[in-house]
């Protein structure tokens, strides 16, 4: 599991037990930044992450202040 927290100031914090997953997250964020104008980006990023990790990807969005 990799957690990505985005602050209101735009600061991005990535946390994972595996450095490889953190690097994949950084690569995905850079890809989003570069391709933000392209339609279907959500599906492209999902496919990218599934190819990189070899696992099915599901997004979990949690409002600030709520933790599992």
N, C-alpha and C. Protein backbone atom coordinates (compact mmCIF):
# COMPACT_ATOMS: atom_id res chain seq x y z
N UNK A 1 0.83 -1.19 0.00
CA UNK A 1 0.00 0.00 0.00
C UNK A 1 0.87 1.25 0.00
N UNK A 2 0.44 2.20 -0.77
CA UNK A 2 1.11 3.49 -0.83
C UNK A 2 0.09 4.58 -0.57
N UNK A 3 0.42 5.47 0.34
CA UNK A 3 -0.48 6.59 0.65
C UNK A 3 0.09 7.86 0.06
N UNK A 4 -0.80 8.63 -0.55
CA UNK A 4 -0.42 9.93 -1.10
C UNK A 4 -1.34 10.97 -0.47
N UNK A 5 -0.74 11.89 0.23
CA UNK A 5 -1.50 12.98 0.86
C UNK A 5 -1.15 14.28 0.15
N UNK A 6 -2.17 15.04 -0.20
CA UNK A 6 -1.96 16.33 -0.87
C UNK A 6 -2.48 17.42 0.05
N UNK A 7 -1.60 18.31 0.45
CA UNK A 7 -1.99 19.41 1.33
C UNK A 7 -2.67 20.52 0.56
N UNK A 8 -3.39 21.36 1.29
CA UNK A 8 -4.06 22.49 0.67
C UNK A 8 -3.07 23.46 0.03
N UNK A 9 -1.83 23.41 0.49
CA UNK A 9 -0.79 24.27 -0.08
C UNK A 9 -0.11 23.62 -1.29
N UNK A 10 -0.57 22.43 -1.69
CA UNK A 10 -0.01 21.74 -2.85
C UNK A 10 1.13 20.79 -2.53
N UNK A 11 1.55 20.75 -1.28
CA UNK A 11 2.61 19.83 -0.88
C UNK A 11 2.11 18.40 -0.99
N UNK A 12 2.91 17.52 -1.59
CA UNK A 12 2.53 16.12 -1.76
C UNK A 12 3.43 15.27 -0.88
N UNK A 13 2.82 14.41 -0.08
CA UNK A 13 3.55 13.51 0.81
C UNK A 13 3.24 12.09 0.40
N UNK A 14 4.27 11.30 0.12
CA UNK A 14 4.10 9.91 -0.31
C UNK A 14 4.70 9.02 0.77
N UNK A 15 3.95 7.99 1.17
CA UNK A 15 4.41 7.07 2.20
C UNK A 15 4.10 5.64 1.78
N UNK A 16 5.12 4.78 1.85
CA UNK A 16 4.95 3.38 1.51
C UNK A 16 5.99 2.56 2.26
N UNK A 17 5.69 1.29 2.46
CA UNK A 17 6.65 0.39 3.08
C UNK A 17 7.75 0.00 2.10
N UNK A 18 7.51 0.25 0.81
CA UNK A 18 8.42 -0.18 -0.25
C UNK A 18 8.86 1.03 -1.07
N UNK A 19 10.15 1.29 -1.11
CA UNK A 19 10.68 2.43 -1.86
C UNK A 19 10.28 2.36 -3.33
N UNK A 20 10.23 1.16 -3.89
CA UNK A 20 9.84 0.99 -5.30
C UNK A 20 8.46 1.60 -5.55
N UNK A 21 7.52 1.37 -4.64
CA UNK A 21 6.18 1.92 -4.80
C UNK A 21 6.17 3.44 -4.68
N UNK A 22 7.01 3.98 -3.82
CA UNK A 22 7.11 5.44 -3.71
C UNK A 22 7.62 6.04 -5.02
N UNK A 23 8.59 5.38 -5.64
CA UNK A 23 9.13 5.87 -6.91
C UNK A 23 8.10 5.77 -8.03
N UNK A 24 7.29 4.73 -8.02
CA UNK A 24 6.21 4.60 -9.00
C UNK A 24 5.20 5.73 -8.80
N UNK A 25 4.90 6.06 -7.55
CA UNK A 25 3.96 7.15 -7.26
C UNK A 25 4.51 8.48 -7.77
N UNK A 26 5.79 8.73 -7.58
CA UNK A 26 6.42 9.95 -8.08
C UNK A 26 6.32 10.00 -9.60
N UNK A 27 6.59 8.88 -10.24
CA UNK A 27 6.51 8.82 -11.71
C UNK A 27 5.08 9.10 -12.18
N UNK A 28 4.09 8.55 -11.47
CA UNK A 28 2.69 8.77 -11.83
C UNK A 28 2.30 10.25 -11.66
N UNK A 29 2.75 10.86 -10.58
CA UNK A 29 2.44 12.28 -10.35
C UNK A 29 3.06 13.16 -11.44
N UNK A 30 4.29 12.85 -11.82
CA UNK A 30 4.93 13.61 -12.90
C UNK A 30 4.19 13.42 -14.22
N UNK A 31 3.71 12.21 -14.46
CA UNK A 31 2.94 11.91 -15.67
C UNK A 31 1.63 12.70 -15.67
N UNK A 32 0.97 12.78 -14.53
CA UNK A 32 -0.27 13.56 -14.40
C UNK A 32 0.01 15.03 -14.69
N UNK A 33 1.09 15.54 -14.11
CA UNK A 33 1.46 16.94 -14.33
C UNK A 33 1.70 17.22 -15.82
N UNK A 34 2.40 16.32 -16.48
CA UNK A 34 2.75 16.50 -17.89
C UNK A 34 1.55 16.34 -18.82
N UNK A 35 0.62 15.43 -18.47
CA UNK A 35 -0.49 15.09 -19.37
C UNK A 35 -1.85 15.56 -18.85
N UNK A 36 -1.86 16.56 -17.98
CA UNK A 36 -3.11 16.99 -17.34
C UNK A 36 -4.17 17.49 -18.31
N UNK A 37 -3.77 17.87 -19.49
CA UNK A 37 -4.71 18.40 -20.48
C UNK A 37 -5.34 17.30 -21.35
N UNK A 38 -4.91 16.06 -21.20
CA UNK A 38 -5.37 14.96 -22.05
C UNK A 38 -6.62 14.32 -21.46
N UNK A 39 -7.64 14.12 -22.31
CA UNK A 39 -8.85 13.46 -21.82
C UNK A 39 -8.57 11.97 -21.60
N UNK A 40 -9.28 11.38 -20.65
CA UNK A 40 -9.09 9.97 -20.33
C UNK A 40 -7.86 9.71 -19.48
N UNK A 41 -7.35 10.76 -18.85
CA UNK A 41 -6.11 10.64 -18.07
C UNK A 41 -6.27 9.68 -16.89
N UNK A 42 -7.42 9.69 -16.25
CA UNK A 42 -7.64 8.80 -15.11
C UNK A 42 -7.43 7.35 -15.51
N UNK A 43 -8.02 6.96 -16.63
CA UNK A 43 -7.87 5.58 -17.10
C UNK A 43 -6.43 5.28 -17.51
N UNK A 44 -5.76 6.26 -18.11
CA UNK A 44 -4.36 6.07 -18.50
C UNK A 44 -3.47 5.87 -17.28
N UNK A 45 -3.72 6.63 -16.24
CA UNK A 45 -2.91 6.51 -15.02
C UNK A 45 -3.20 5.17 -14.34
N UNK A 46 -4.46 4.78 -14.32
CA UNK A 46 -4.82 3.48 -13.74
C UNK A 46 -4.08 2.36 -14.47
N UNK A 47 -4.10 2.40 -15.79
CA UNK A 47 -3.42 1.39 -16.60
C UNK A 47 -1.90 1.43 -16.34
N UNK A 48 -1.34 2.63 -16.27
CA UNK A 48 0.08 2.81 -15.99
C UNK A 48 0.46 2.15 -14.66
N UNK A 49 -0.34 2.43 -13.62
CA UNK A 49 -0.05 1.88 -12.30
C UNK A 49 -0.20 0.36 -12.27
N UNK A 50 -1.21 -0.16 -12.95
CA UNK A 50 -1.41 -1.61 -12.99
C UNK A 50 -0.26 -2.30 -13.72
N UNK A 51 0.25 -1.68 -14.79
CA UNK A 51 1.39 -2.24 -15.50
C UNK A 51 2.65 -2.21 -14.65
N UNK A 52 2.86 -1.11 -13.94
CA UNK A 52 4.06 -0.95 -13.12
C UNK A 52 4.06 -1.87 -11.89
N UNK A 53 2.89 -2.04 -11.28
CA UNK A 53 2.82 -2.80 -10.03
C UNK A 53 2.41 -4.25 -10.24
N UNK A 54 1.76 -4.55 -11.36
CA UNK A 54 1.27 -5.91 -11.59
C UNK A 54 0.06 -6.24 -10.74
N UNK A 55 -0.59 -5.23 -10.20
CA UNK A 55 -1.75 -5.44 -9.32
C UNK A 55 -2.90 -4.55 -9.77
N UNK A 56 -4.12 -4.96 -9.43
CA UNK A 56 -5.30 -4.15 -9.73
C UNK A 56 -5.25 -2.90 -8.85
N UNK A 57 -5.56 -1.77 -9.44
CA UNK A 57 -5.47 -0.49 -8.73
C UNK A 57 -6.87 0.02 -8.42
N UNK A 58 -7.07 0.41 -7.17
CA UNK A 58 -8.32 1.04 -6.75
C UNK A 58 -7.96 2.30 -5.99
N UNK A 59 -8.61 3.38 -6.32
CA UNK A 59 -8.35 4.64 -5.63
C UNK A 59 -9.21 4.74 -4.38
N UNK A 60 -8.62 5.26 -3.34
CA UNK A 60 -9.36 5.50 -2.10
C UNK A 60 -9.16 6.96 -1.74
N UNK A 61 -10.23 7.71 -1.72
CA UNK A 61 -10.16 9.13 -1.39
C UNK A 61 -10.72 9.32 0.00
N UNK A 62 -9.94 9.95 0.87
CA UNK A 62 -10.38 10.21 2.23
C UNK A 62 -10.29 11.71 2.50
N UNK A 63 -11.37 12.30 2.98
CA UNK A 63 -11.32 13.71 3.36
C UNK A 63 -10.33 13.92 4.51
N UNK A 64 -9.81 15.12 4.60
CA UNK A 64 -8.87 15.46 5.66
C UNK A 64 -9.49 15.16 7.02
N UNK A 65 -8.69 14.59 7.90
CA UNK A 65 -9.15 14.31 9.26
C UNK A 65 -9.69 12.91 9.43
N UNK A 66 -9.94 12.20 8.34
CA UNK A 66 -10.42 10.83 8.43
C UNK A 66 -9.27 9.89 8.11
N UNK A 67 -9.01 8.96 9.00
CA UNK A 67 -7.95 7.99 8.77
C UNK A 67 -8.49 6.60 9.01
N UNK A 68 -7.95 5.65 8.25
CA UNK A 68 -8.33 4.25 8.44
C UNK A 68 -7.61 3.67 9.61
